[in-house]
N, C-alpha and C. Protein backbone atom coordinates (compact mmCIF):
# COMPACT_ATOMS: atom_id res chain seq x y z
N UNK A 1 0.82 -1.19 0.00
CA UNK A 1 0.00 0.00 0.00
C UNK A 1 0.87 1.26 0.00
N UNK A 2 1.95 1.25 0.77
CA UNK A 2 2.81 2.42 0.87
C UNK A 2 3.52 2.70 -0.45
N UNK A 3 3.83 1.66 -1.23
CA UNK A 3 4.53 1.88 -2.49
C UNK A 3 3.65 2.63 -3.49
N UNK A 4 2.33 2.52 -3.39
CA UNK A 4 1.43 3.25 -4.28
C UNK A 4 1.52 4.74 -3.99
N UNK A 5 1.58 5.12 -2.72
CA UNK A 5 1.69 6.53 -2.37
C UNK A 5 3.02 7.12 -2.83
N UNK A 6 4.06 6.33 -2.80
CA UNK A 6 5.37 6.82 -3.25
C UNK A 6 5.36 7.02 -4.76
N UNK A 7 4.71 6.15 -5.50
CA UNK A 7 4.69 6.26 -6.95
C UNK A 7 3.86 7.46 -7.42
N UNK A 8 2.74 7.73 -6.78
CA UNK A 8 1.90 8.84 -7.23
C UNK A 8 2.20 10.14 -6.48
N UNK A 9 3.17 10.10 -5.57
CA UNK A 9 3.62 11.26 -4.82
C UNK A 9 2.47 11.94 -4.09
N UNK A 10 1.69 11.15 -3.38
CA UNK A 10 0.58 11.67 -2.59
C UNK A 10 0.88 11.40 -1.12
N UNK A 11 0.37 12.26 -0.28
CA UNK A 11 0.57 12.10 1.15
C UNK A 11 -0.29 10.96 1.66
N UNK A 12 0.19 10.23 2.64
CA UNK A 12 -0.65 9.17 3.22
C UNK A 12 -1.84 9.79 3.94
N UNK A 13 -2.89 9.04 4.10
CA UNK A 13 -4.07 9.59 4.77
C UNK A 13 -3.75 10.06 6.19
N UNK A 14 -4.29 11.21 6.54
CA UNK A 14 -4.03 11.81 7.85
C UNK A 14 -5.32 11.73 8.66
N UNK A 15 -5.17 11.42 9.92
CA UNK A 15 -6.36 11.33 10.76
C UNK A 15 -6.91 12.73 11.03
N UNK A 16 -8.18 12.80 11.34
CA UNK A 16 -8.85 14.07 11.57
C UNK A 16 -8.32 14.74 12.84
N UNK A 17 -7.82 13.97 13.78
CA UNK A 17 -7.28 14.53 15.01
C UNK A 17 -6.05 15.39 14.77
N UNK A 18 -5.17 14.95 13.90
CA UNK A 18 -3.96 15.71 13.59
C UNK A 18 -4.32 17.00 12.86
N UNK A 19 -5.25 16.90 11.91
CA UNK A 19 -5.68 18.09 11.17
C UNK A 19 -6.33 19.09 12.12
N UNK A 20 -7.16 18.62 13.02
CA UNK A 20 -7.82 19.49 13.98
C UNK A 20 -6.81 20.14 14.94
N UNK A 21 -5.82 19.38 15.36
CA UNK A 21 -4.80 19.92 16.25
C UNK A 21 -3.98 21.01 15.55
N UNK A 22 -3.64 20.80 14.31
CA UNK A 22 -2.87 21.80 13.56
C UNK A 22 -3.71 23.06 13.35
N UNK A 23 -4.97 22.90 12.98
CA UNK A 23 -5.84 24.06 12.78
C UNK A 23 -6.03 24.85 14.07
N UNK A 24 -6.24 24.16 15.18
CA UNK A 24 -6.40 24.85 16.46
C UNK A 24 -5.11 25.57 16.86
N UNK A 25 -3.97 24.96 16.57
CA UNK A 25 -2.69 25.62 16.87
C UNK A 25 -2.51 26.89 16.04
N UNK A 26 -2.86 26.84 14.77
CA UNK A 26 -2.73 28.02 13.90
C UNK A 26 -3.69 29.12 14.36
N UNK A 27 -4.92 28.76 14.70
CA UNK A 27 -5.89 29.76 15.16
C UNK A 27 -5.42 30.38 16.48
N UNK A 28 -4.92 29.57 17.40
CA UNK A 28 -4.43 30.08 18.68
C UNK A 28 -3.22 31.00 18.47
N UNK A 29 -2.33 30.65 17.54
CA UNK A 29 -1.16 31.49 17.29
C UNK A 29 -1.58 32.84 16.71
N UNK A 30 -2.56 32.85 15.82
CA UNK A 30 -3.04 34.12 15.25
C UNK A 30 -3.69 34.98 16.33
N UNK A 31 -4.48 34.37 17.20
CA UNK A 31 -5.11 35.13 18.28
C UNK A 31 -4.06 35.69 19.23
N UNK A 32 -3.06 34.90 19.58
CA UNK A 32 -2.00 35.39 20.47
C UNK A 32 -1.21 36.53 19.83
N UNK A 33 -0.95 36.45 18.54
CA UNK A 33 -0.24 37.55 17.86
C UNK A 33 -1.09 38.81 17.84
N UNK A 34 -2.40 38.67 17.63
CA UNK A 34 -3.28 39.84 17.62
C UNK A 34 -3.34 40.48 19.01
N UNK A 35 -3.43 39.67 20.04
CA UNK A 35 -3.45 40.21 21.41
C UNK A 35 -2.13 40.88 21.72
N UNK A 36 -1.03 40.29 21.29
CA UNK A 36 0.27 40.91 21.51
C UNK A 36 0.40 42.24 20.80
N UNK A 37 -0.11 42.34 19.59
CA UNK A 37 -0.07 43.60 18.86
C UNK A 37 -0.92 44.66 19.55
N UNK A 38 -2.09 44.28 20.02
CA UNK A 38 -2.96 45.24 20.71
C UNK A 38 -2.30 45.73 21.99
N UNK A 39 -1.71 44.82 22.76
CA UNK A 39 -1.03 45.23 23.99
C UNK A 39 0.17 46.12 23.70
N UNK A 40 0.93 45.81 22.66
CA UNK A 40 2.08 46.63 22.29
C UNK A 40 1.65 48.03 21.90
N UNK A 41 0.61 48.16 21.09
CA UNK A 41 0.15 49.48 20.66
C UNK A 41 -0.44 50.26 21.83
N UNK A 42 -1.15 49.58 22.73
CA UNK A 42 -1.72 50.26 23.90
C UNK A 42 -0.61 50.77 24.81
N UNK A 43 0.41 49.95 25.04
CA UNK A 43 1.51 50.37 25.92
C UNK A 43 2.28 51.52 25.30
N UNK A 44 2.49 51.49 24.00
CA UNK A 44 3.21 52.58 23.33
C UNK A 44 2.42 53.88 23.41
N UNK A 45 1.10 53.80 23.23
CA UNK A 45 0.26 54.99 23.33
C UNK A 45 0.27 55.53 24.76
N UNK A 46 0.21 54.63 25.73
CA UNK A 46 0.21 55.04 27.13
C UNK A 46 1.54 55.67 27.53
N UNK A 47 2.64 55.15 27.05
CA UNK A 47 3.94 55.69 27.43
C UNK A 47 4.21 57.03 26.75
N UNK A 48 3.64 57.26 25.58
CA UNK A 48 3.84 58.54 24.90
C UNK A 48 2.90 59.63 25.42
N UNK A 49 1.89 59.26 26.18
CA UNK A 49 0.94 60.24 26.70
C UNK A 49 1.62 61.17 27.71
N UNK A 50 2.60 60.68 28.43
CA UNK A 50 3.25 61.46 29.48
C UNK A 50 4.30 62.42 28.93
N UNK A 51 4.68 62.27 27.69
CA UNK A 51 5.72 63.13 27.12
C UNK A 51 5.13 64.49 26.79
N UNK A 52 5.86 65.53 27.14
CA UNK A 52 5.45 66.88 26.83
C UNK A 52 6.18 67.36 25.59
N UNK A 53 5.54 68.26 24.87
CA UNK A 53 6.18 68.83 23.71
C UNK A 53 7.28 69.79 24.17
N UNK A 54 8.45 69.65 23.62
CA UNK A 54 9.58 70.49 24.00
C UNK A 54 9.70 71.62 23.00
N UNK A 55 9.66 72.85 23.51
CA UNK A 55 9.81 74.03 22.65
C UNK A 55 11.01 74.84 23.12
N UNK A 56 11.56 75.61 22.21
CA UNK A 56 12.67 76.50 22.56
C UNK A 56 12.18 77.61 23.48
N UNK A 57 13.04 78.05 24.36
CA UNK A 57 12.75 79.21 25.20
C UNK A 57 13.19 80.46 24.45
N UNK A 58 12.40 80.85 23.48
CA UNK A 58 12.70 82.04 22.68
C UNK A 58 11.62 83.07 22.98
N UNK A 59 12.03 84.20 23.49
CA UNK A 59 11.06 85.21 23.90
C UNK A 59 10.32 85.81 22.70
N UNK A 60 10.87 85.72 21.51
CA UNK A 60 10.22 86.29 20.34
C UNK A 60 9.02 85.44 19.92
N UNK A 61 9.07 84.15 20.19
CA UNK A 61 7.97 83.29 19.75
C UNK A 61 7.03 82.92 20.88
N UNK A 62 7.40 83.14 22.13
CA UNK A 62 6.52 82.76 23.23
C UNK A 62 5.26 83.60 23.24
N UNK A 63 5.37 84.91 23.01
CA UNK A 63 4.22 85.80 23.05
C UNK A 63 3.65 86.08 21.67
N UNK A 64 4.03 85.32 20.71
CA UNK A 64 3.60 85.57 19.34
C UNK A 64 2.25 84.91 19.07
N UNK A 65 1.47 85.51 18.19
CA UNK A 65 0.19 84.92 17.78
C UNK A 65 0.39 83.84 16.74
N UNK A 66 1.58 83.67 16.24
CA UNK A 66 1.83 82.68 15.20
C UNK A 66 1.90 81.26 15.74
N UNK A 67 2.01 81.09 17.04
CA UNK A 67 2.12 79.74 17.60
C UNK A 67 0.87 78.90 17.34
N UNK A 68 -0.29 79.50 17.46
CA UNK A 68 -1.53 78.74 17.29
C UNK A 68 -2.21 79.01 15.95
N UNK A 69 -1.53 79.65 15.04
CA UNK A 69 -2.11 79.96 13.75
C UNK A 69 -1.70 78.88 12.75
N UNK A 70 -2.63 78.08 12.26
CA UNK A 70 -2.26 76.99 11.34
C UNK A 70 -1.89 77.48 9.94
N UNK A 71 -2.14 78.75 9.64
CA UNK A 71 -1.83 79.24 8.31
C UNK A 71 -0.39 79.69 8.16
N UNK A 72 0.32 79.77 9.26
CA UNK A 72 1.71 80.20 9.20
C UNK A 72 2.61 79.00 8.92
N UNK A 73 3.66 79.19 8.13
CA UNK A 73 4.56 78.06 7.82
C UNK A 73 5.41 77.67 9.01
């Protein structure tokens, strides 16, 4: 029986248990990667929330109206 599979280059029959185990492993790996990505993005967003914008201490621009004007370059 095995020589027929070698001649036609086909895989031997696989039980449904092995196929189910492989499918469940792939689904679990995809879910774990998605959870890891969500946690990574959440942590990055949370850590960047505490950072303040650093501006130069230039007296010419501190009291200027150009700071909040989006039309200025």
